[in-house]
PDB file of N, CA and C in Angstrom:
ATOM      1  N   UNK A   1      32.291 164.569  33.721  1.00  0.00           N
ATOM      2  CA  UNK A   1      31.073 164.500  32.932  1.00  0.00           C
ATOM      3  C   UNK A   1      30.787 165.832  32.259  1.00  0.00           C
ATOM      4  N   UNK A   2      31.068 166.896  32.969  1.00  0.00           N
ATOM      5  CA  UNK A   2      30.784 168.216  32.417  1.00  0.00           C
ATOM      6  C   UNK A   2      31.622 168.487  31.179  1.00  0.00           C
ATOM      7  N   UNK A   3      32.800 167.955  31.136  1.00  0.00           N
ATOM      8  CA  UNK A   3      33.671 168.149  29.979  1.00  0.00           C
ATOM      9  C   UNK A   3      33.072 167.514  28.724  1.00  0.00           C
ATOM     10  N   UNK A   4      32.303 166.460  28.899  1.00  0.00           N
ATOM     11  CA  UNK A   4      31.775 165.713  27.764  1.00  0.00           C
ATOM     12  C   UNK A   4      30.350 166.110  27.381  1.00  0.00           C
ATOM     13  N   UNK A   5      29.766 167.068  28.078  1.00  0.00           N
ATOM     14  CA  UNK A   5      28.364 167.367  27.795  1.00  0.00           C
ATOM     15  C   UNK A   5      28.153 168.061  26.459  1.00  0.00           C
ATOM     16  N   UNK A   6      29.150 168.733  25.933  1.00  0.00           N
ATOM     17  CA  UNK A   6      28.995 169.433  24.664  1.00  0.00           C
ATOM     18  C   UNK A   6      29.319 168.521  23.490  1.00  0.00           C
ATOM     19  N   UNK A   7      30.417 167.807  23.593  1.00  0.00           N
ATOM     20  CA  UNK A   7      30.890 166.999  22.467  1.00  0.00           C
ATOM     21  C   UNK A   7      30.519 165.532  22.561  1.00  0.00           C
ATOM     22  N   UNK A   8      30.014 165.109  23.682  1.00  0.00           N
ATOM     23  CA  UNK A   8      29.688 163.702  23.858  1.00  0.00           C
ATOM     24  C   UNK A   8      30.895 162.926  24.360  1.00  0.00           C
ATOM     25  N   UNK A   9      30.691 161.679  24.637  1.00  0.00           N
ATOM     26  CA  UNK A   9      31.734 160.819  25.168  1.00  0.00           C
ATOM     27  C   UNK A   9      32.419 160.072  24.038  1.00  0.00           C
ATOM     28  N   UNK A  10      33.699 159.814  24.212  1.00  0.00           N
ATOM     29  CA  UNK A  10      34.393 158.964  23.257  1.00  0.00           C
ATOM     30  C   UNK A  10      34.141 157.504  23.642  1.00  0.00           C
ATOM     31  N   UNK A  11      34.570 156.615  22.803  1.00  0.00           N
ATOM     32  CA  UNK A  11      34.362 155.190  23.087  1.00  0.00           C
ATOM     33  C   UNK A  11      35.228 154.708  24.242  1.00  0.00           C
ATOM     34  N   UNK A  12      36.309 155.427  24.541  1.00  0.00           N
ATOM     35  CA  UNK A  12      37.227 155.019  25.596  1.00  0.00           C
ATOM     36  C   UNK A  12      36.775 155.474  26.983  1.00  0.00           C
ATOM     37  N   UNK A  13      35.801 156.354  27.057  1.00  0.00           N
ATOM     38  CA  UNK A  13      35.386 156.922  28.333  1.00  0.00           C
ATOM     39  C   UNK A  13      34.634 155.892  29.161  1.00  0.00           C
ATOM     40  N   UNK A  14      35.059 155.729  30.406  1.00  0.00           N
ATOM     41  CA  UNK A  14      34.370 154.828  31.331  1.00  0.00           C
ATOM     42  C   UNK A  14      33.219 155.573  31.975  1.00  0.00           C
ATOM     43  N   UNK A  15      32.024 155.048  31.827  1.00  0.00           N
ATOM     44  CA  UNK A  15      30.842 155.713  32.359  1.00  0.00           C
ATOM     45  C   UNK A  15      30.478 155.258  33.762  1.00  0.00           C
ATOM     46  N   UNK A  16      31.287 154.418  34.373  1.00  0.00           N
ATOM     47  CA  UNK A  16      30.910 153.922  35.682  1.00  0.00           C
ATOM     48  C   UNK A  16      31.525 154.727  36.826  1.00  0.00           C
ATOM     49  N   UNK A  17      32.432 155.662  36.546  1.00  0.00           N
ATOM     50  CA  UNK A  17      33.062 156.419  37.623  1.00  0.00           C
ATOM     51  C   UNK A  17      32.110 157.327  38.400  1.00  0.00           C
ATOM     52  N   UNK A  18      31.272 158.135  37.773  1.00  0.00           N
ATOM     53  CA  UNK A  18      30.380 159.003  38.568  1.00  0.00           C
ATOM     54  C   UNK A  18      29.444 158.246  39.505  1.00  0.00           C
ATOM     55  N   UNK A  19      28.770 157.177  39.063  1.00  0.00           N
ATOM     56  CA  UNK A  19      27.936 156.445  40.030  1.00  0.00           C
ATOM     57  C   UNK A  19      28.742 155.802  41.155  1.00  0.00           C
ATOM     58  N   UNK A  20      29.954 155.373  40.858  1.00  0.00           N
ATOM     59  CA  UNK A  20      30.791 154.766  41.898  1.00  0.00           C
ATOM     60  C   UNK A  20      31.175 155.816  42.937  1.00  0.00           C
ATOM     61  N   UNK A  21      31.538 157.007  42.502  1.00  0.00           N
ATOM     62  CA  UNK A  21      31.908 158.075  43.429  1.00  0.00           C
ATOM     63  C   UNK A  21      30.717 158.471  44.287  1.00  0.00           C
ATOM     64  N   UNK A  22      29.542 158.588  43.693  1.00  0.00           N
ATOM     65  CA  UNK A  22      28.340 158.933  44.457  1.00  0.00           C
ATOM     66  C   UNK A  22      27.999 157.801  45.434  1.00  0.00           C
ATOM     67  N   UNK A  23      28.199 156.565  45.009  1.00  0.00           N
ATOM     68  CA  UNK A  23      27.988 155.431  45.913  1.00  0.00           C
ATOM     69  C   UNK A  23      28.931 155.453  47.106  1.00  0.00           C
ATOM     70  N   UNK A  24      30.169 155.875  46.878  1.00  0.00           N
ATOM     71  CA  UNK A  24      31.132 155.994  47.972  1.00  0.00           C
ATOM     72  C   UNK A  24      30.706 157.083  48.949  1.00  0.00           C
ATOM     73  N   UNK A  25      30.212 158.208  48.435  1.00  0.00           N
ATOM     74  CA  UNK A  25      29.732 159.290  49.297  1.00  0.00           C
ATOM     75  C   UNK A  25      28.570 158.799  50.155  1.00  0.00           C
ATOM     76  N   UNK A  26      27.611 158.140  49.529  1.00  0.00           N
ATOM     77  CA  UNK A  26      26.437 157.642  50.260  1.00  0.00           C
ATOM     78  C   UNK A  26      26.862 156.603  51.296  1.00  0.00           C
ATOM     79  N   UNK A  27      27.742 155.690  50.912  1.00  0.00           N
ATOM     80  CA  UNK A  27      28.193 154.651  51.842  1.00  0.00           C
ATOM     81  C   UNK A  27      28.943 155.242  53.029  1.00  0.00           C
ATOM     82  N   UNK A  28      29.786 156.249  52.777  1.00  0.00           N
ATOM     83  CA  UNK A  28      30.538 156.840  53.882  1.00  0.00           C
ATOM     84  C   UNK A  28      29.618 157.582  54.842  1.00  0.00           C
ATOM     85  N   UNK A  29      28.562 158.214  54.334  1.00  0.00           N
ATOM     86  CA  UNK A  29      27.612 158.876  55.218  1.00  0.00           C
ATOM     87  C   UNK A  29      26.817 157.869  56.041  1.00  0.00           C
ATOM     88  N   UNK A  30      26.464 156.749  55.446  1.00  0.00           N
ATOM     89  CA  UNK A  30      25.739 155.716  56.193  1.00  0.00           C
ATOM     90  C   UNK A  30      26.620 155.139  57.293  1.00  0.00           C
ATOM     91  N   UNK A  31      27.863 154.825  56.972  1.00  0.00           N
ATOM     92  CA  UNK A  31      28.781 154.282  57.971  1.00  0.00           C
ATOM     93  C   UNK A  31      29.032 155.299  59.077  1.00  0.00           C
ATOM     94  N   UNK A  32      29.210 156.577  58.712  1.00  0.00           N
ATOM     95  CA  UNK A  32      29.428 157.620  59.721  1.00  0.00           C
ATOM     96  C   UNK A  32      28.228 157.759  60.640  1.00  0.00           C
ATOM     97  N   UNK A  33      27.033 157.644  60.099  1.00  0.00           N
ATOM     98  CA  UNK A  33      25.835 157.730  60.928  1.00  0.00           C
ATOM     99  C   UNK A  33      25.715 156.535  61.862  1.00  0.00           C
ATOM    100  N   UNK A  34      26.003 155.364  61.352  1.00  0.00           N
ATOM    101  CA  UNK A  34      25.906 154.162  62.181  1.00  0.00           C
ATOM    102  C   UNK A  34      26.994 154.107  63.249  1.00  0.00           C
ATOM    103  N   UNK A  35      28.136 154.755  62.995  1.00  0.00           N
ATOM    104  CA  UNK A  35      29.216 154.793  63.978  1.00  0.00           C
ATOM    105  C   UNK A  35      28.995 155.883  65.035  1.00  0.00           C
ATOM    106  N   UNK A  36      28.026 156.747  64.797  1.00  0.00           N
ATOM    107  CA  UNK A  36      27.716 157.773  65.784  1.00  0.00           C
ATOM    108  C   UNK A  36      28.293 159.139  65.497  1.00  0.00           C
ATOM    109  N   UNK A  37      28.959 159.322  64.363  1.00  0.00           N
ATOM    110  CA  UNK A  37      29.498 160.633  64.035  1.00  0.00           C
ATOM    111  C   UNK A  37      28.397 161.599  63.613  1.00  0.00           C
ATOM    112  N   UNK A  38      27.375 161.097  62.951  1.00  0.00           N
ATOM    113  CA  UNK A  38      26.219 161.886  62.541  1.00  0.00           C
ATOM    114  C   UNK A  38      24.994 161.345  63.254  1.00  0.00           C
ATOM    115  N   UNK A  39      23.993 162.206  63.388  1.00  0.00           N
ATOM    116  CA  UNK A  39      22.715 161.754  63.947  1.00  0.00           C
ATOM    117  C   UNK A  39      22.023 160.870  62.921  1.00  0.00           C
ATOM    118  N   UNK A  40      21.253 159.925  63.406  1.00  0.00           N
ATOM    119  CA  UNK A  40      20.596 158.971  62.508  1.00  0.00           C
ATOM    120  C   UNK A  40      19.509 159.623  61.657  1.00  0.00           C
ATOM    121  N   UNK A  41      19.019 160.805  62.053  1.00  0.00           N
ATOM    122  CA  UNK A  41      18.014 161.496  61.237  1.00  0.00           C
ATOM    123  C   UNK A  41      18.562 161.887  59.872  1.00  0.00           C
ATOM    124  N   UNK A  42      19.883 161.979  59.766  1.00  0.00           N
ATOM    125  CA  UNK A  42      20.476 162.353  58.483  1.00  0.00           C
ATOM    126  C   UNK A  42      20.214 161.294  57.416  1.00  0.00           C
ATOM    127  N   UNK A  43      19.949 160.066  57.834  1.00  0.00           N
ATOM    128  CA  UNK A  43      19.665 159.006  56.866  1.00  0.00           C
ATOM    129  C   UNK A  43      18.352 159.228  56.137  1.00  0.00           C
ATOM    130  N   UNK A  44      17.437 159.974  56.750  1.00  0.00           N
ATOM    131  CA  UNK A  44      16.163 160.283  56.095  1.00  0.00           C
ATOM    132  C   UNK A  44      16.403 161.147  54.866  1.00  0.00           C
ATOM    133  N   UNK A  45      17.169 162.215  55.050  1.00  0.00           N
ATOM    134  CA  UNK A  45      17.436 163.116  53.926  1.00  0.00           C
ATOM    135  C   UNK A  45      18.439 162.491  52.967  1.00  0.00           C
ATOM    136  N   UNK A  46      19.321 161.647  53.478  1.00  0.00           N
ATOM    137  CA  UNK A  46      20.247 160.934  52.603  1.00  0.00           C
ATOM    138  C   UNK A  46      19.493 160.013  51.653  1.00  0.00           C
ATOM    139  N   UNK A  47      18.384 159.452  52.107  1.00  0.00           N
ATOM    140  CA  UNK A  47      17.582 158.607  51.214  1.00  0.00           C
ATOM    141  C   UNK A  47      16.976 159.438  50.080  1.00  0.00           C
ATOM    142  N   UNK A  48      16.634 160.698  50.353  1.00  0.00           N
ATOM    143  CA  UNK A  48      16.154 161.584  49.285  1.00  0.00           C
ATOM    144  C   UNK A  48      17.262 161.859  48.282  1.00  0.00           C
ATOM    145  N   UNK A  49      18.461 162.141  48.768  1.00  0.00           N
ATOM    146  CA  UNK A  49      19.608 162.360  47.884  1.00  0.00           C
ATOM    147  C   UNK A  49      19.875 161.107  47.050  1.00  0.00           C
ATOM    148  N   UNK A  50      19.829 159.945  47.682  1.00  0.00           N
ATOM    149  CA  UNK A  50      20.060 158.687  46.963  1.00  0.00           C
ATOM    150  C   UNK A  50      19.015 158.469  45.878  1.00  0.00           C
ATOM    151  N   UNK A  51      17.767 158.781  46.189  1.00  0.00           N
ATOM    152  CA  UNK A  51      16.701 158.611  45.199  1.00  0.00           C
ATOM    153  C   UNK A  51      16.904 159.532  44.006  1.00  0.00           C
ATOM    154  N   UNK A  52      17.322 160.761  44.259  1.00  0.00           N
ATOM    155  CA  UNK A  52      17.576 161.702  43.163  1.00  0.00           C
ATOM    156  C   UNK A  52      18.697 161.190  42.270  1.00  0.00           C
ATOM    157  N   UNK A  53      19.764 160.700  42.880  1.00  0.00           N
ATOM    158  CA  UNK A  53      20.899 160.212  42.094  1.00  0.00           C
ATOM    159  C   UNK A  53      20.547 158.945  41.325  1.00  0.00           C
ATOM    160  N   UNK A  54      19.842 158.025  41.956  1.00  0.00           N
ATOM    161  CA  UNK A  54      19.442 156.798  41.265  1.00  0.00           C
ATOM    162  C   UNK A  54      18.526 157.123  40.100  1.00  0.00           C
ATOM    163  N   UNK A  55      17.577 158.016  40.322  1.00  0.00           N
ATOM    164  CA  UNK A  55      16.669 158.417  39.248  1.00  0.00           C
ATOM    165  C   UNK A  55      17.437 159.065  38.106  1.00  0.00           C
ATOM    166  N   UNK A  56      18.360 159.956  38.427  1.00  0.00           N
ATOM    167  CA  UNK A  56      19.117 160.660  37.385  1.00  0.00           C
ATOM    168  C   UNK A  56      19.937 159.702  36.536  1.00  0.00           C
ATOM    169  N   UNK A  57      20.661 158.816  37.193  1.00  0.00           N
ATOM    170  CA  UNK A  57      21.536 157.933  36.436  1.00  0.00           C
ATOM    171  C   UNK A  57      20.793 156.808  35.744  1.00  0.00           C
ATOM    172  N   UNK A  58      19.736 156.309  36.324  1.00  0.00           N
ATOM    173  CA  UNK A  58      19.030 155.201  35.684  1.00  0.00           C
ATOM    174  C   UNK A  58      18.213 155.670  34.492  1.00  0.00           C
ATOM    175  N   UNK A  59      17.702 156.871  34.548  1.00  0.00           N
ATOM    176  CA  UNK A  59      16.846 157.380  33.481  1.00  0.00           C
ATOM    177  C   UNK A  59      17.637 158.029  32.353  1.00  0.00           C
ATOM    178  N   UNK A  60      18.726 158.685  32.675  1.00  0.00           N
ATOM    179  CA  UNK A  60      19.405 159.523  31.686  1.00  0.00           C
ATOM    180  C   UNK A  60      20.810 159.084  31.313  1.00  0.00           C
ATOM    181  N   UNK A  61      21.290 157.984  31.839  1.00  0.00           N
ATOM    182  CA  UNK A  61      22.703 157.656  31.681  1.00  0.00           C
ATOM    183  C   UNK A  61      22.978 157.051  30.316  1.00  0.00           C
ATOM    184  N   UNK A  62      23.553 157.839  29.455  1.00  0.00           N
ATOM    185  CA  UNK A  62      23.957 157.374  28.134  1.00  0.00           C
ATOM    186  C   UNK A  62      25.068 158.294  27.636  1.00  0.00           C
ATOM    187  N   UNK A  63      25.454 158.110  26.433  1.00  0.00           N
ATOM    188  CA  UNK A  63      26.516 158.934  25.850  1.00  0.00           C
ATOM    189  C   UNK A  63      25.965 160.157  25.117  1.00  0.00           C
ATOM    190  N   UNK A  64      24.695 160.427  25.241  1.00  0.00           N
ATOM    191  CA  UNK A  64      24.064 161.564  24.581  1.00  0.00           C
ATOM    192  C   UNK A  64      24.359 162.845  25.367  1.00  0.00           C
ATOM    193  N   UNK A  65      24.837 163.910  24.705  1.00  0.00           N
ATOM    194  CA  UNK A  65      25.161 165.148  25.421  1.00  0.00           C
ATOM    195  C   UNK A  65      23.962 165.794  26.125  1.00  0.00           C
ATOM    196  N   UNK A  66      22.779 165.699  25.552  1.00  0.00           N
ATOM    197  CA  UNK A  66      21.603 166.306  26.202  1.00  0.00           C
ATOM    198  C   UNK A  66      21.267 165.594  27.511  1.00  0.00           C
ATOM    199  N   UNK A  67      21.380 164.296  27.505  1.00  0.00           N
ATOM    200  CA  UNK A  67      21.114 163.546  28.739  1.00  0.00           C
ATOM    201  C   UNK A  67      22.206 163.794  29.782  1.00  0.00           C
ATOM    202  N   UNK A  68      23.418 163.987  29.302  1.00  0.00           N
ATOM    203  CA  UNK A  68      24.502 164.327  30.213  1.00  0.00           C
ATOM    204  C   UNK A  68      24.242 165.676  30.874  1.00  0.00           C
ATOM    205  N   UNK A  69      23.727 166.638  30.134  1.00  0.00           N
ATOM    206  CA  UNK A  69      23.359 167.940  30.703  1.00  0.00           C
ATOM    207  C   UNK A  69      22.300 167.767  31.787  1.00  0.00           C
ATOM    208  N   UNK A  70      21.337 166.913  31.565  1.00  0.00           N
ATOM    209  CA  UNK A  70      20.277 166.683  32.551  1.00  0.00           C
ATOM    210  C   UNK A  70      20.834 166.044  33.823  1.00  0.00           C
ATOM    211  N   UNK A  71      21.757 165.101  33.664  1.00  0.00           N
ATOM    212  CA  UNK A  71      22.379 164.482  34.833  1.00  0.00           C
ATOM    213  C   UNK A  71      23.151 165.519  35.637  1.00  0.00           C
ATOM    214  N   UNK A  72      23.915 166.347  34.958  1.00  0.00           N
ATOM    215  CA  UNK A  72      24.714 167.360  35.654  1.00  0.00           C
ATOM    216  C   UNK A  72      23.806 168.367  36.334  1.00  0.00           C
ATOM    217  N   UNK A  73      22.712 168.750  35.695  1.00  0.00           N
ATOM    218  CA  UNK A  73      21.763 169.665  36.327  1.00  0.00           C
ATOM    219  C   UNK A  73      21.174 169.037  37.596  1.00  0.00           C
ATOM    220  N   UNK A  74      20.810 167.785  37.540  1.00  0.00           N
ATOM    221  CA  UNK A  74      20.291 167.107  38.733  1.00  0.00           C
ATOM    222  C   UNK A  74      21.345 167.008  39.826  1.00  0.00           C
ATOM    223  N   UNK A  75      22.592 166.802  39.442  1.00  0.00           N
ATOM    224  CA  UNK A  75      23.659 166.728  40.432  1.00  0.00           C
ATOM    225  C   UNK A  75      23.876 168.087  41.101  1.00  0.00           C
ATOM    226  N   UNK A  76      23.803 169.160  40.330  1.00  0.00           N
ATOM    227  CA  UNK A  76      23.951 170.500  40.904  1.00  0.00           C
ATOM    228  C   UNK A  76      22.787 170.809  41.837  1.00  0.00           C
ATOM    229  N   UNK A  77      21.589 170.457  41.426  1.00  0.00           N
ATOM    230  CA  UNK A  77      20.422 170.700  42.275  1.00  0.00           C
ATOM    231  C   UNK A  77      20.476 169.872  43.558  1.00  0.00           C
ATOM    232  N   UNK A  78      21.086 168.713  43.498  1.00  0.00           N
ATOM    233  CA  UNK A  78      21.117 167.853  44.683  1.00  0.00           C
ATOM    234  C   UNK A  78      22.175 168.271  45.694  1.00  0.00           C
ATOM    235  N   UNK A  79      22.989 169.256  45.371  1.00  0.00           N
ATOM    236  CA  UNK A  79      23.972 169.747  46.344  1.00  0.00           C
ATOM    237  C   UNK A  79      23.270 170.281  47.585  1.00  0.00           C
ATOM    238  N   UNK A  80      22.128 170.950  47.405  1.00  0.00           N
ATOM    239  CA  UNK A  80      21.377 171.454  48.552  1.00  0.00           C
ATOM    240  C   UNK A  80      20.879 170.301  49.415  1.00  0.00           C
ATOM    241  N   UNK A  81      20.452 169.225  48.794  1.00  0.00           N
ATOM    242  CA  UNK A  81      19.982 168.063  49.552  1.00  0.00           C
ATOM    243  C   UNK A  81      21.146 167.441  50.330  1.00  0.00           C
ATOM    244  N   UNK A  82      22.311 167.382  49.718  1.00  0.00           N
ATOM    245  CA  UNK A  82      23.479 166.831  50.402  1.00  0.00           C
ATOM    246  C   UNK A  82      23.909 167.747  51.561  1.00  0.00           C
ATOM    247  N   UNK A  83      23.864 169.064  51.355  1.00  0.00           N
ATOM    248  CA  UNK A  83      24.156 169.994  52.451  1.00  0.00           C
ATOM    249  C   UNK A  83      23.160 169.821  53.593  1.00  0.00           C
ATOM    250  N   UNK A  84      21.912 169.631  53.245  1.00  0.00           N
ATOM    251  CA  UNK A  84      20.887 169.413  54.257  1.00  0.00           C
ATOM    252  C   UNK A  84      21.153 168.126  55.036  1.00  0.00           C
ATOM    253  N   UNK A  85      21.661 167.114  54.355  1.00  0.00           N
ATOM    254  CA  UNK A  85      22.003 165.857  55.019  1.00  0.00           C
ATOM    255  C   UNK A  85      23.102 166.073  56.055  1.00  0.00           C
ATOM    256  N   UNK A  86      24.140 166.815  55.680  1.00  0.00           N
ATOM    257  CA  UNK A  86      25.230 167.076  56.614  1.00  0.00           C
ATOM    258  C   UNK A  86      24.750 167.899  57.812  1.00  0.00           C
ATOM    259  N   UNK A  87      23.952 168.924  57.564  1.00  0.00           N
ATOM    260  CA  UNK A  87      23.454 169.741  58.675  1.00  0.00           C
ATOM    261  C   UNK A  87      22.533 168.949  59.591  1.00  0.00           C
ATOM    262  N   UNK A  88      21.726 168.082  59.018  1.00  0.00           N
ATOM    263  CA  UNK A  88      20.863 167.236  59.839  1.00  0.00           C
ATOM    264  C   UNK A  88      21.703 166.310  60.708  1.00  0.00           C
ATOM    265  N   UNK A  89      22.761 165.780  60.153  1.00  0.00           N
ATOM    266  CA  UNK A  89      23.613 164.883  60.905  1.00  0.00           C
ATOM    267  C   UNK A  89      24.393 165.564  62.004  1.00  0.00           C
ATOM    268  N   UNK A  90      24.745 166.821  61.813  1.00  0.00           N
ATOM    269  CA  UNK A  90      25.557 167.521  62.797  1.00  0.00           C
ATOM    270  C   UNK A  90      24.701 168.274  63.815  1.00  0.00           C
ATOM    271  N   UNK A  91      23.717 169.048  63.337  1.00  0.00           N
ATOM    272  CA  UNK A  91      22.941 169.923  64.224  1.00  0.00           C
ATOM    273  C   UNK A  91      21.582 169.332  64.573  1.00  0.00           C
ATOM    274  N   UNK A  92      20.863 168.890  63.561  1.00  0.00           N
ATOM    275  CA  UNK A  92      19.544 168.325  63.820  1.00  0.00           C
ATOM    276  C   UNK A  92      18.628 168.482  62.624  1.00  0.00           C
ATOM    277  N   UNK A  93      17.506 167.804  62.702  1.00  0.00           N
ATOM    278  CA  UNK A  93      16.565 167.769  61.581  1.00  0.00           C
ATOM    279  C   UNK A  93      15.937 169.133  61.311  1.00  0.00           C
ATOM    280  N   UNK A  94      15.803 169.982  62.336  1.00  0.00           N
ATOM    281  CA  UNK A  94      15.153 171.273  62.149  1.00  0.00           C
ATOM    282  C   UNK A  94      15.918 172.142  61.159  1.00  0.00           C
ATOM    283  N   UNK A  95      17.218 172.303  61.373  1.00  0.00           N
ATOM    284  CA  UNK A  95      18.012 173.125  60.469  1.00  0.00           C
ATOM    285  C   UNK A  95      18.186 172.443  59.111  1.00  0.00           C
ATOM    286  N   UNK A  96      18.243 171.136  59.108  1.00  0.00           N
ATOM    287  CA  UNK A  96      18.348 170.414  57.844  1.00  0.00           C
ATOM    288  C   UNK A  96      17.135 170.631  56.960  1.00  0.00           C
ATOM    289  N   UNK A  97      15.950 170.658  57.556  1.00  0.00           N
ATOM    290  CA  UNK A  97      14.742 170.900  56.768  1.00  0.00           C
ATOM    291  C   UNK A  97      14.658 172.345  56.286  1.00  0.00           C
ATOM    292  N   UNK A  98      15.184 173.279  57.074  1.00  0.00           N
ATOM    293  CA  UNK A  98      15.217 174.679  56.628  1.00  0.00           C
ATOM    294  C   UNK A  98      16.080 174.807  55.380  1.00  0.00           C
ATOM    295  N   UNK A  99      17.236 174.172  55.391  1.00  0.00           N
ATOM    296  CA  UNK A  99      18.114 174.215  54.224  1.00  0.00           C
ATOM    297  C   UNK A  99      17.476 173.479  53.050  1.00  0.00           C
ATOM    298  N   UNK A 100      16.761 172.412  53.325  1.00  0.00           N
ATOM    299  CA  UNK A 100      16.104 171.655  52.260  1.00  0.00           C
ATOM    300  C   UNK A 100      15.029 172.477  51.550  1.00  0.00           C
ATOM    301  N   UNK A 101      14.414 173.414  52.254  1.00  0.00           N
ATOM    302  CA  UNK A 101      13.404 174.265  51.611  1.00  0.00           C
ATOM    303  C   UNK A 101      14.021 175.185  50.569  1.00  0.00           C
ATOM    304  N   UNK A 102      15.330 175.393  50.614  1.00  0.00           N
ATOM    305  CA  UNK A 102      15.989 176.215  49.599  1.00  0.00           C
ATOM    306  C   UNK A 102      15.995 175.535  48.232  1.00  0.00           C
ATOM    307  N   UNK A 103      15.704 174.268  48.196  1.00  0.00           N
ATOM    308  CA  UNK A 103      15.653 173.555  46.918  1.00  0.00           C
ATOM    309  C   UNK A 103      14.468 174.025  46.076  1.00  0.00           C
ATOM    310  N   UNK A 104      13.398 174.482  46.713  1.00  0.00           N
ATOM    311  CA  UNK A 104      12.225 174.964  45.970  1.00  0.00           C
ATOM    312  C   UNK A 104      12.544 176.135  45.059  1.00  0.00           C
ATOM    313  N   UNK A 105      13.103 177.241  45.579  1.00  0.00           N
ATOM    314  CA  UNK A 105      13.466 178.338  44.675  1.00  0.00           C
ATOM    315  C   UNK A 105      14.508 177.945  43.637  1.00  0.00           C
ATOM    316  N   UNK A 106      15.411 177.041  44.001  1.00  0.00           N
ATOM    317  CA  UNK A 106      16.405 176.605  43.033  1.00  0.00           C
ATOM    318  C   UNK A 106      15.763 175.832  41.881  1.00  0.00           C
ATOM    319  N   UNK A 107      14.751 175.039  42.177  1.00  0.00           N
ATOM    320  CA  UNK A 107      14.045 174.319  41.109  1.00  0.00           C
ATOM    321  C   UNK A 107      13.335 175.286  40.169  1.00  0.00           C
ATOM    322  N   UNK A 108      12.773 176.353  40.725  1.00  0.00           N
ATOM    323  CA  UNK A 108      12.139 177.353  39.873  1.00  0.00           C
ATOM    324  C   UNK A 108      13.159 178.075  39.003  1.00  0.00           C
ATOM    325  N   UNK A 109      14.311 178.403  39.571  1.00  0.00           N
ATOM    326  CA  UNK A 109      15.360 179.064  38.787  1.00  0.00           C
ATOM    327  C   UNK A 109      15.979 178.138  37.760  1.00  0.00           C
ATOM    328  N   UNK A 110      16.009 176.853  38.032  1.00  0.00           N
ATOM    329  CA  UNK A 110      16.628 175.895  37.101  1.00  0.00           C
ATOM    330  C   UNK A 110      15.894 175.853  35.770  1.00  0.00           C
ATOM    331  N   UNK A 111      14.595 176.127  35.791  1.00  0.00           N
ATOM    332  CA  UNK A 111      13.835 176.127  34.541  1.00  0.00           C
ATOM    333  C   UNK A 111      14.137 177.368  33.691  1.00  0.00           C
ATOM    334  N   UNK A 112      14.624 178.427  34.326  1.00  0.00           N
ATOM    335  CA  UNK A 112      14.871 179.691  33.623  1.00  0.00           C
ATOM    336  C   UNK A 112      16.334 179.879  33.217  1.00  0.00           C
ATOM    337  N   UNK A 113      17.241 179.171  33.888  1.00  0.00           N
ATOM    338  CA  UNK A 113      18.667 179.396  33.678  1.00  0.00           C
ATOM    339  C   UNK A 113      19.370 178.139  33.194  1.00  0.00           C
ATOM    340  N   UNK A 114      20.474 178.343  32.514  1.00  0.00           N
ATOM    341  CA  UNK A 114      21.338 177.257  32.085  1.00  0.00           C
ATOM    342  C   UNK A 114      22.206 176.878  33.274  1.00  0.00           C
ATOM    343  N   UNK A 115      22.154 175.647  33.726  1.00  0.00           N
ATOM    344  CA  UNK A 115      22.791 175.249  34.977  1.00  0.00           C
ATOM    345  C   UNK A 115      24.246 174.824  34.826  1.00  0.00           C
ATOM    346  N   UNK A 116      24.612 174.265  33.710  1.00  0.00           N
ATOM    347  CA  UNK A 116      25.967 173.703  33.627  1.00  0.00           C
ATOM    348  C   UNK A 116      26.858 174.641  32.903  1.00  0.00           C
TER     349      UNK A 116
END
C-alpha cells in the first residue's frame, strides 16, 4: 500500500489483500487466546486494534492517494496497540495498559510529522 500512496493504484491492483492479512492476524490471535497460548485479557485490547482497522478501511479505502496515506498512518499508529495486545497476552493487562498509554504521545506527534 505504501508503494501506491504517491502515484495511486493501477486498475490491476487488488485492494483486498491488506484487510485479508489484518483479518488473518486478528484471527490467529483469537485462536491463540482461546487455545491458552495467550491470556484472555488480550482480547480486550485486540478488540481496540480491530476497531481501529475496521474504521480505517471502511472509511478511507479507495484508490485515492490521500486516503491511502491516512490508512497507512492509522496502521503505523496501531502498531502500539498490537504490541500492547501481545504483552497483555503474555505478561498481563497491567503491562499491556502501560504500553497502550504510549499511543497518546504518538497521536500528538502524528499531527506534527509525516508518518509514511
